[in-house]
Amino acid sequence: AMKQSVVASDQAGIWSNAIKFVRMA
């Protein structure tokens, strides 16, 4: 469960940070 949660968190984190960068830009 934790392994899958980390994978999901990593995927969400990558794109969340990209979205944050675009918004600030």
mmCIF file of all heavy atoms, coordinates in Angstrom:
data_MODEL
# 
_entry.id   MODEL 
# 
loop_
_atom_site.group_PDB 
_atom_site.id 
_atom_site.type_symbol 
_atom_site.label_atom_id 
_atom_site.label_alt_id 
_atom_site.label_comp_id 
_atom_site.label_asym_id 
_atom_site.label_entity_id 
_atom_site.label_seq_id 
_atom_site.pdbx_PDB_ins_code 
_atom_site.Cartn_x 
_atom_site.Cartn_y 
_atom_site.Cartn_z 
_atom_site.occupancy 
_atom_site.B_iso_or_equiv 
_atom_site.pdbx_formal_charge 
_atom_site.auth_seq_id 
_atom_site.auth_comp_id 
_atom_site.auth_asym_id 
_atom_site.auth_atom_id 
_atom_site.pdbx_PDB_model_num 
ATOM 1   N N   . ALA A 1 1  ? 0.828  -1.203 0.000   1.00 0.00 ? 1  ALA A N   1 
ATOM 2   C CA  . ALA A 1 1  ? 0.000  0.000  0.000   1.00 0.00 ? 1  ALA A CA  1 
ATOM 3   C C   . ALA A 1 1  ? 0.866  1.259  0.000   1.00 0.00 ? 1  ALA A C   1 
ATOM 4   O O   . ALA A 1 1  ? 0.605  2.213  -0.739  1.00 0.00 ? 1  ALA A O   1 
ATOM 5   C CB  . ALA A 1 1  ? -0.928 0.003  1.217   1.00 0.00 ? 1  ALA A CB  1 
ATOM 6   N N   . MET A 1 2  ? 1.917  1.247  0.827   1.00 0.00 ? 2  MET A N   1 
ATOM 7   C CA  . MET A 1 2  ? 2.792  2.411  0.899   1.00 0.00 ? 2  MET A CA  1 
ATOM 8   C C   . MET A 1 2  ? 3.563  2.596  -0.400  1.00 0.00 ? 2  MET A C   1 
ATOM 9   O O   . MET A 1 2  ? 3.776  3.730  -0.853  1.00 0.00 ? 2  MET A O   1 
ATOM 10  C CB  . MET A 1 2  ? 3.761  2.262  2.073   1.00 0.00 ? 2  MET A CB  1 
ATOM 11  C CG  . MET A 1 2  ? 3.090  2.309  3.433   1.00 0.00 ? 2  MET A CG  1 
ATOM 12  S SD  . MET A 1 2  ? 2.111  3.818  3.700   1.00 0.00 ? 2  MET A SD  1 
ATOM 13  C CE  . MET A 1 2  ? 3.401  5.050  3.585   1.00 0.00 ? 2  MET A CE  1 
ATOM 14  N N   . LYS A 1 3  ? 3.972  1.490  -1.014  1.00 0.00 ? 3  LYS A N   1 
ATOM 15  C CA  . LYS A 1 3  ? 4.713  1.571  -2.278  1.00 0.00 ? 3  LYS A CA  1 
ATOM 16  C C   . LYS A 1 3  ? 3.855  2.225  -3.354  1.00 0.00 ? 3  LYS A C   1 
ATOM 17  O O   . LYS A 1 3  ? 4.307  3.136  -4.070  1.00 0.00 ? 3  LYS A O   1 
ATOM 18  C CB  . LYS A 1 3  ? 5.147  0.169  -2.718  1.00 0.00 ? 3  LYS A CB  1 
ATOM 19  C CG  . LYS A 1 3  ? 5.919  0.139  -4.020  1.00 0.00 ? 3  LYS A CG  1 
ATOM 20  C CD  . LYS A 1 3  ? 6.315  -1.287 -4.384  1.00 0.00 ? 3  LYS A CD  1 
ATOM 21  C CE  . LYS A 1 3  ? 7.049  -1.324 -5.718  1.00 0.00 ? 3  LYS A CE  1 
ATOM 22  N NZ  . LYS A 1 3  ? 7.434  -2.718 -6.089  1.00 0.00 ? 3  LYS A NZ  1 
ATOM 23  N N   . GLN A 1 4  ? 2.612  1.757  -3.473  1.00 0.00 ? 4  GLN A N   1 
ATOM 24  C CA  . GLN A 1 4  ? 1.719  2.343  -4.464  1.00 0.00 ? 4  GLN A CA  1 
ATOM 25  C C   . GLN A 1 4  ? 1.390  3.796  -4.119  1.00 0.00 ? 4  GLN A C   1 
ATOM 26  O O   . GLN A 1 4  ? 1.253  4.643  -5.002  1.00 0.00 ? 4  GLN A O   1 
ATOM 27  C CB  . GLN A 1 4  ? 0.430  1.526  -4.556  1.00 0.00 ? 4  GLN A CB  1 
ATOM 28  C CG  . GLN A 1 4  ? 0.619  0.118  -5.079  1.00 0.00 ? 4  GLN A CG  1 
ATOM 29  C CD  . GLN A 1 4  ? 1.168  0.101  -6.497  1.00 0.00 ? 4  GLN A CD  1 
ATOM 30  O OE1 . GLN A 1 4  ? 0.951  1.026  -7.273  1.00 0.00 ? 4  GLN A OE1 1 
ATOM 31  N NE2 . GLN A 1 4  ? 1.899  -0.945 -6.838  1.00 0.00 ? 4  GLN A NE2 1 
ATOM 32  N N   . SER A 1 5  ? 1.301  4.086  -2.829  1.00 0.00 ? 5  SER A N   1 
ATOM 33  C CA  . SER A 1 5  ? 1.017  5.447  -2.407  1.00 0.00 ? 5  SER A CA  1 
ATOM 34  C C   . SER A 1 5  ? 2.168  6.385  -2.765  1.00 0.00 ? 5  SER A C   1 
ATOM 35  O O   . SER A 1 5  ? 1.952  7.525  -3.194  1.00 0.00 ? 5  SER A O   1 
ATOM 36  C CB  . SER A 1 5  ? 0.761  5.485  -0.896  1.00 0.00 ? 5  SER A CB  1 
ATOM 37  O OG  . SER A 1 5  ? 0.509  6.801  -0.459  1.00 0.00 ? 5  SER A OG  1 
ATOM 38  N N   . VAL A 1 6  ? 3.403  5.896  -2.609  1.00 0.00 ? 6  VAL A N   1 
ATOM 39  C CA  . VAL A 1 6  ? 4.574  6.707  -2.966  1.00 0.00 ? 6  VAL A CA  1 
ATOM 40  C C   . VAL A 1 6  ? 4.590  6.978  -4.465  1.00 0.00 ? 6  VAL A C   1 
ATOM 41  O O   . VAL A 1 6  ? 4.870  8.098  -4.908  1.00 0.00 ? 6  VAL A O   1 
ATOM 42  C CB  . VAL A 1 6  ? 5.870  6.006  -2.524  1.00 0.00 ? 6  VAL A CB  1 
ATOM 43  C CG1 . VAL A 1 6  ? 7.096  6.686  -3.130  1.00 0.00 ? 6  VAL A CG1 1 
ATOM 44  C CG2 . VAL A 1 6  ? 5.976  6.004  -1.009  1.00 0.00 ? 6  VAL A CG2 1 
ATOM 45  N N   . VAL A 1 7  ? 4.273  5.926  -5.260  1.00 0.00 ? 7  VAL A N   1 
ATOM 46  C CA  . VAL A 1 7  ? 4.234  6.108  -6.718  1.00 0.00 ? 7  VAL A CA  1 
ATOM 47  C C   . VAL A 1 7  ? 3.193  7.152  -7.094  1.00 0.00 ? 7  VAL A C   1 
ATOM 48  O O   . VAL A 1 7  ? 3.455  8.064  -7.903  1.00 0.00 ? 7  VAL A O   1 
ATOM 49  C CB  . VAL A 1 7  ? 3.936  4.769  -7.420  1.00 0.00 ? 7  VAL A CB  1 
ATOM 50  C CG1 . VAL A 1 7  ? 3.712  4.984  -8.917  1.00 0.00 ? 7  VAL A CG1 1 
ATOM 51  C CG2 . VAL A 1 7  ? 5.076  3.787  -7.197  1.00 0.00 ? 7  VAL A CG2 1 
ATOM 52  N N   . ALA A 1 8  ? 1.995  7.026  -6.506  1.00 0.00 ? 8  ALA A N   1 
ATOM 53  C CA  . ALA A 1 8  ? 0.931  7.987  -6.803  1.00 0.00 ? 8  ALA A CA  1 
ATOM 54  C C   . ALA A 1 8  ? 1.323  9.393  -6.359  1.00 0.00 ? 8  ALA A C   1 
ATOM 55  O O   . ALA A 1 8  ? 1.076  10.379 -7.056  1.00 0.00 ? 8  ALA A O   1 
ATOM 56  C CB  . ALA A 1 8  ? -0.362 7.558  -6.118  1.00 0.00 ? 8  ALA A CB  1 
ATOM 57  N N   . SER A 1 9  ? 1.956  9.479  -5.168  1.00 0.00 ? 9  SER A N   1 
ATOM 58  C CA  . SER A 1 9  ? 2.370  10.777 -4.658  1.00 0.00 ? 9  SER A CA  1 
ATOM 59  C C   . SER A 1 9  ? 3.438  11.406 -5.545  1.00 0.00 ? 9  SER A C   1 
ATOM 60  O O   . SER A 1 9  ? 3.416  12.616 -5.808  1.00 0.00 ? 9  SER A O   1 
ATOM 61  C CB  . SER A 1 9  ? 2.892  10.632 -3.226  1.00 0.00 ? 9  SER A CB  1 
ATOM 62  O OG  . SER A 1 9  ? 3.329  11.866 -2.721  1.00 0.00 ? 9  SER A OG  1 
ATOM 63  N N   . ASP A 1 10 ? 4.385  10.581 -6.016  1.00 0.00 ? 10 ASP A N   1 
ATOM 64  C CA  . ASP A 1 10 ? 5.434  11.094 -6.898  1.00 0.00 ? 10 ASP A CA  1 
ATOM 65  C C   . ASP A 1 10 ? 4.840  11.633 -8.197  1.00 0.00 ? 10 ASP A C   1 
ATOM 66  O O   . ASP A 1 10 ? 5.204  12.717 -8.672  1.00 0.00 ? 10 ASP A O   1 
ATOM 67  C CB  . ASP A 1 10 ? 6.458  9.998  -7.205  1.00 0.00 ? 10 ASP A CB  1 
ATOM 68  C CG  . ASP A 1 10 ? 7.340  9.681  -5.999  1.00 0.00 ? 10 ASP A CG  1 
ATOM 69  O OD1 . ASP A 1 10 ? 7.357  10.507 -5.063  1.00 0.00 ? 10 ASP A OD1 1 
ATOM 70  O OD2 . ASP A 1 10 ? 7.999  8.627  -6.004  1.00 0.00 ? 10 ASP A OD2 1 
ATOM 71  N N   . GLN A 1 11 ? 3.924  10.853 -8.782  1.00 0.00 ? 11 GLN A N   1 
ATOM 72  C CA  . GLN A 1 11 ? 3.309  11.290 -10.038 1.00 0.00 ? 11 GLN A CA  1 
ATOM 73  C C   . GLN A 1 11 ? 2.525  12.585 -9.834  1.00 0.00 ? 11 GLN A C   1 
ATOM 74  O O   . GLN A 1 11 ? 2.626  13.526 -10.628 1.00 0.00 ? 11 GLN A O   1 
ATOM 75  C CB  . GLN A 1 11 ? 2.378  10.196 -10.566 1.00 0.00 ? 11 GLN A CB  1 
ATOM 76  C CG  . GLN A 1 11 ? 3.089  8.943  -11.041 1.00 0.00 ? 11 GLN A CG  1 
ATOM 77  C CD  . GLN A 1 11 ? 3.909  9.191  -12.290 1.00 0.00 ? 11 GLN A CD  1 
ATOM 78  O OE1 . GLN A 1 11 ? 3.613  10.089 -13.074 1.00 0.00 ? 11 GLN A OE1 1 
ATOM 79  N NE2 . GLN A 1 11 ? 4.960  8.411  -12.473 1.00 0.00 ? 11 GLN A NE2 1 
ATOM 80  N N   . ALA A 1 12 ? 1.754  12.624 -8.756  1.00 0.00 ? 12 ALA A N   1 
ATOM 81  C CA  . ALA A 1 12 ? 0.976  13.837 -8.488  1.00 0.00 ? 12 ALA A CA  1 
ATOM 82  C C   . ALA A 1 12 ? 1.886  15.015 -8.169  1.00 0.00 ? 12 ALA A C   1 
ATOM 83  O O   . ALA A 1 12 ? 1.640  16.151 -8.584  1.00 0.00 ? 12 ALA A O   1 
ATOM 84  C CB  . ALA A 1 12 ? 0.007  13.587 -7.338  1.00 0.00 ? 12 ALA A CB  1 
ATOM 85  N N   . GLY A 1 13 ? 2.971  14.736 -7.420  1.00 0.00 ? 13 GLY A N   1 
ATOM 86  C CA  . GLY A 1 13 ? 3.882  15.805 -7.040  1.00 0.00 ? 13 GLY A CA  1 
ATOM 87  C C   . GLY A 1 13 ? 4.589  16.440 -8.223  1.00 0.00 ? 13 GLY A C   1 
ATOM 88  O O   . GLY A 1 13 ? 4.767  17.663 -8.279  1.00 0.00 ? 13 GLY A O   1 
ATOM 89  N N   . ILE A 1 14 ? 5.000  15.589 -9.177  1.00 0.00 ? 14 ILE A N   1 
ATOM 90  C CA  . ILE A 1 14 ? 5.698  16.108 -10.365 1.00 0.00 ? 14 ILE A CA  1 
ATOM 91  C C   . ILE A 1 14 ? 4.815  17.116 -11.095 1.00 0.00 ? 14 ILE A C   1 
ATOM 92  O O   . ILE A 1 14 ? 5.230  18.244 -11.410 1.00 0.00 ? 14 ILE A O   1 
ATOM 93  C CB  . ILE A 1 14 ? 6.101  14.956 -11.296 1.00 0.00 ? 14 ILE A CB  1 
ATOM 94  C CG1 . ILE A 1 14 ? 7.207  14.117 -10.641 1.00 0.00 ? 14 ILE A CG1 1 
ATOM 95  C CG2 . ILE A 1 14 ? 6.562  15.484 -12.646 1.00 0.00 ? 14 ILE A CG2 1 
ATOM 96  C CD1 . ILE A 1 14 ? 7.532  12.844 -11.400 1.00 0.00 ? 14 ILE A CD1 1 
ATOM 97  N N   . TRP A 1 15 ? 3.596  16.709 -11.346 1.00 0.00 ? 15 TRP A N   1 
ATOM 98  C CA  . TRP A 1 15 ? 2.718  17.573 -12.124 1.00 0.00 ? 15 TRP A CA  1 
ATOM 99  C C   . TRP A 1 15 ? 2.161  18.713 -11.300 1.00 0.00 ? 15 TRP A C   1 
ATOM 100 O O   . TRP A 1 15 ? 1.888  19.802 -11.831 1.00 0.00 ? 15 TRP A O   1 
ATOM 101 C CB  . TRP A 1 15 ? 1.597  16.739 -12.743 1.00 0.00 ? 15 TRP A CB  1 
ATOM 102 C CG  . TRP A 1 15 ? 2.145  15.753 -13.737 1.00 0.00 ? 15 TRP A CG  1 
ATOM 103 C CD1 . TRP A 1 15 ? 2.273  14.409 -13.582 1.00 0.00 ? 15 TRP A CD1 1 
ATOM 104 C CD2 . TRP A 1 15 ? 2.693  16.066 -15.022 1.00 0.00 ? 15 TRP A CD2 1 
ATOM 105 N NE1 . TRP A 1 15 ? 2.855  13.851 -14.688 1.00 0.00 ? 15 TRP A NE1 1 
ATOM 106 C CE2 . TRP A 1 15 ? 3.120  14.842 -15.594 1.00 0.00 ? 15 TRP A CE2 1 
ATOM 107 C CE3 . TRP A 1 15 ? 2.864  17.246 -15.739 1.00 0.00 ? 15 TRP A CE3 1 
ATOM 108 C CZ2 . TRP A 1 15 ? 3.702  14.778 -16.845 1.00 0.00 ? 15 TRP A CZ2 1 
ATOM 109 C CZ3 . TRP A 1 15 ? 3.450  17.178 -17.004 1.00 0.00 ? 15 TRP A CZ3 1 
ATOM 110 C CH2 . TRP A 1 15 ? 3.854  15.960 -17.543 1.00 0.00 ? 15 TRP A CH2 1 
ATOM 111 N N   . SER A 1 16 ? 1.994  18.502 -10.000 1.00 0.00 ? 16 SER A N   1 
ATOM 112 C CA  . SER A 1 16 ? 1.546  19.609 -9.139  1.00 0.00 ? 16 SER A CA  1 
ATOM 113 C C   . SER A 1 16 ? 2.583  20.721 -9.111  1.00 0.00 ? 16 SER A C   1 
ATOM 114 O O   . SER A 1 16 ? 2.242  21.922 -9.159  1.00 0.00 ? 16 SER A O   1 
ATOM 115 C CB  . SER A 1 16 ? 1.288  19.101 -7.718  1.00 0.00 ? 16 SER A CB  1 
ATOM 116 O OG  . SER A 1 16 ? 0.191  18.223 -7.686  1.00 0.00 ? 16 SER A OG  1 
ATOM 117 N N   . ASN A 1 17 ? 3.863  20.344 -9.037  1.00 0.00 ? 17 ASN A N   1 
ATOM 118 C CA  . ASN A 1 17 ? 4.920  21.350 -9.043  1.00 0.00 ? 17 ASN A CA  1 
ATOM 119 C C   . ASN A 1 17 ? 5.007  22.048 -10.402 1.00 0.00 ? 17 ASN A C   1 
ATOM 120 O O   . ASN A 1 17 ? 5.281  23.258 -10.472 1.00 0.00 ? 17 ASN A O   1 
ATOM 121 C CB  . ASN A 1 17 ? 6.263  20.712 -8.697  1.00 0.00 ? 17 ASN A CB  1 
ATOM 122 C CG  . ASN A 1 17 ? 6.352  20.340 -7.231  1.00 0.00 ? 17 ASN A CG  1 
ATOM 123 O OD1 . ASN A 1 17 ? 5.834  21.041 -6.366  1.00 0.00 ? 17 ASN A OD1 1 
ATOM 124 N ND2 . ASN A 1 17 ? 6.994  19.221 -6.931  1.00 0.00 ? 17 ASN A ND2 1 
ATOM 125 N N   . ALA A 1 18 ? 4.778  21.273 -11.475 1.00 0.00 ? 18 ALA A N   1 
ATOM 126 C CA  . ALA A 1 18 ? 4.772  21.889 -12.805 1.00 0.00 ? 18 ALA A CA  1 
ATOM 127 C C   . ALA A 1 18 ? 3.638  22.901 -12.916 1.00 0.00 ? 18 ALA A C   1 
ATOM 128 O O   . ALA A 1 18 ? 3.801  24.000 -13.463 1.00 0.00 ? 18 ALA A O   1 
ATOM 129 C CB  . ALA A 1 18 ? 4.640  20.812 -13.880 1.00 0.00 ? 18 ALA A CB  1 
ATOM 130 N N   . ILE A 1 19 ? 2.456  22.523 -12.376 1.00 0.00 ? 19 ILE A N   1 
ATOM 131 C CA  . ILE A 1 19 ? 1.308  23.429 -12.396 1.00 0.00 ? 19 ILE A CA  1 
ATOM 132 C C   . ILE A 1 19 ? 1.599  24.675 -11.554 1.00 0.00 ? 19 ILE A C   1 
ATOM 133 O O   . ILE A 1 19 ? 1.267  25.806 -11.954 1.00 0.00 ? 19 ILE A O   1 
ATOM 134 C CB  . ILE A 1 19 ? 0.057  22.694 -11.877 1.00 0.00 ? 19 ILE A CB  1 
ATOM 135 C CG1 . ILE A 1 19 ? -0.370 21.613 -12.880 1.00 0.00 ? 19 ILE A CG1 1 
ATOM 136 C CG2 . ILE A 1 19 ? -1.080 23.660 -11.610 1.00 0.00 ? 19 ILE A CG2 1 
ATOM 137 C CD1 . ILE A 1 19 ? -1.431 20.674 -12.364 1.00 0.00 ? 19 ILE A CD1 1 
ATOM 138 N N   . LYS A 1 20 ? 2.241  24.480 -10.404 1.00 0.00 ? 20 LYS A N   1 
ATOM 139 C CA  . LYS A 1 20 ? 2.587  25.617 -9.550  1.00 0.00 ? 20 LYS A CA  1 
ATOM 140 C C   . LYS A 1 20 ? 3.542  26.570 -10.269 1.00 0.00 ? 20 LYS A C   1 
ATOM 141 O O   . LYS A 1 20 ? 3.389  27.802 -10.218 1.00 0.00 ? 20 LYS A O   1 
ATOM 142 C CB  . LYS A 1 20 ? 3.216  25.109 -8.251  1.00 0.00 ? 20 LYS A CB  1 
ATOM 143 C CG  . LYS A 1 20 ? 3.605  26.216 -7.290  1.00 0.00 ? 20 LYS A CG  1 
ATOM 144 C CD  . LYS A 1 20 ? 4.217  25.623 -6.028  1.00 0.00 ? 20 LYS A CD  1 
ATOM 145 C CE  . LYS A 1 20 ? 4.650  26.734 -5.064  1.00 0.00 ? 20 LYS A CE  1 
ATOM 146 N NZ  . LYS A 1 20 ? 5.262  26.165 -3.830  1.00 0.00 ? 20 LYS A NZ  1 
ATOM 147 N N   . PHE A 1 21 ? 4.561  25.994 -10.982 1.00 0.00 ? 21 PHE A N   1 
ATOM 148 C CA  . PHE A 1 21 ? 5.514  26.821 -11.717 1.00 0.00 ? 21 PHE A CA  1 
ATOM 149 C C   . PHE A 1 21 ? 4.806  27.635 -12.807 1.00 0.00 ? 21 PHE A C   1 
ATOM 150 O O   . PHE A 1 21 ? 5.061  28.838 -12.961 1.00 0.00 ? 21 PHE A O   1 
ATOM 151 C CB  . PHE A 1 21 ? 6.601  25.947 -12.342 1.00 0.00 ? 21 PHE A CB  1 
ATOM 152 C CG  . PHE A 1 21 ? 7.479  26.682 -13.314 1.00 0.00 ? 21 PHE A CG  1 
ATOM 153 C CD1 . PHE A 1 21 ? 8.486  27.513 -12.864 1.00 0.00 ? 21 PHE A CD1 1 
ATOM 154 C CD2 . PHE A 1 21 ? 7.281  26.561 -14.691 1.00 0.00 ? 21 PHE A CD2 1 
ATOM 155 C CE1 . PHE A 1 21 ? 9.293  28.216 -13.751 1.00 0.00 ? 21 PHE A CE1 1 
ATOM 156 C CE2 . PHE A 1 21 ? 8.076  27.253 -15.585 1.00 0.00 ? 21 PHE A CE2 1 
ATOM 157 C CZ  . PHE A 1 21 ? 9.081  28.091 -15.116 1.00 0.00 ? 21 PHE A CZ  1 
ATOM 158 N N   . VAL A 1 22 ? 3.915  26.982 -13.558 1.00 0.00 ? 22 VAL A N   1 
ATOM 159 C CA  . VAL A 1 22 ? 3.204  27.681 -14.626 1.00 0.00 ? 22 VAL A CA  1 
ATOM 160 C C   . VAL A 1 22 ? 2.348  28.801 -14.053 1.00 0.00 ? 22 VAL A C   1 
ATOM 161 O O   . VAL A 1 22 ? 2.293  29.922 -14.605 1.00 0.00 ? 22 VAL A O   1 
ATOM 162 C CB  . VAL A 1 22 ? 2.349  26.693 -15.439 1.00 0.00 ? 22 VAL A CB  1 
ATOM 163 C CG1 . VAL A 1 22 ? 1.433  27.433 -16.412 1.00 0.00 ? 22 VAL A CG1 1 
ATOM 164 C CG2 . VAL A 1 22 ? 3.240  25.720 -16.191 1.00 0.00 ? 22 VAL A CG2 1 
ATOM 165 N N   . ARG A 1 23 ? 1.674  28.521 -12.938 1.00 0.00 ? 23 ARG A N   1 
ATOM 166 C CA  . ARG A 1 23 ? 0.819  29.544 -12.336 1.00 0.00 ? 23 ARG A CA  1 
ATOM 167 C C   . ARG A 1 23 ? 1.637  30.751 -11.883 1.00 0.00 ? 23 ARG A C   1 
ATOM 168 O O   . ARG A 1 23 ? 1.244  31.910 -12.112 1.00 0.00 ? 23 ARG A O   1 
ATOM 169 C CB  . ARG A 1 23 ? 0.049  28.947 -11.148 1.00 0.00 ? 23 ARG A CB  1 
ATOM 170 C CG  . ARG A 1 23 ? -0.889 29.921 -10.466 1.00 0.00 ? 23 ARG A CG  1 
ATOM 171 C CD  . ARG A 1 23 ? -1.784 29.203 -9.474  1.00 0.00 ? 23 ARG A CD  1 
ATOM 172 N NE  . ARG A 1 23 ? -1.016 28.407 -8.537  1.00 0.00 ? 23 ARG A NE  1 
ATOM 173 C CZ  . ARG A 1 23 ? -0.404 28.909 -7.446  1.00 0.00 ? 23 ARG A CZ  1 
ATOM 174 N NH1 . ARG A 1 23 ? -0.467 30.203 -7.197  1.00 0.00 ? 23 ARG A NH1 1 
ATOM 175 N NH2 . ARG A 1 23 ? 0.260  28.124 -6.633  1.00 0.00 ? 23 ARG A NH2 1 
ATOM 176 N N   . MET A 1 24 ? 2.779  30.494 -11.232 1.00 0.00 ? 24 MET A N   1 
ATOM 177 C CA  . MET A 1 24 ? 3.624  31.607 -10.795 1.00 0.00 ? 24 MET A CA  1 
ATOM 178 C C   . MET A 1 24 ? 4.210  32.359 -11.981 1.00 0.00 ? 24 MET A C   1 
ATOM 179 O O   . MET A 1 24 ? 4.353  33.589 -11.955 1.00 0.00 ? 24 MET A O   1 
ATOM 180 C CB  . MET A 1 24 ? 4.746  31.070 -9.901  1.00 0.00 ? 24 MET A CB  1 
ATOM 181 C CG  . MET A 1 24 ? 4.269  30.408 -8.612  1.00 0.00 ? 24 MET A CG  1 
ATOM 182 S SD  . MET A 1 24 ? 3.240  31.489 -7.587  1.00 0.00 ? 24 MET A SD  1 
ATOM 183 C CE  . MET A 1 24 ? 4.447  32.740 -7.137  1.00 0.00 ? 24 MET A CE  1 
ATOM 184 N N   . ALA A 1 25 ? 4.555  31.594 -13.048 1.00 0.00 ? 25 ALA A N   1 
ATOM 185 C CA  . ALA A 1 25 ? 5.100  32.247 -14.247 1.00 0.00 ? 25 ALA A CA  1 
ATOM 186 C C   . ALA A 1 25 ? 4.060  33.175 -14.872 1.00 0.00 ? 25 ALA A C   1 
ATOM 187 O O   . ALA A 1 25 ? 4.393  34.273 -15.345 1.00 0.00 ? 25 ALA A O   1 
ATOM 188 C CB  . ALA A 1 25 ? 5.547  31.182 -15.247 1.00 0.00 ? 25 ALA A CB  1 
# 
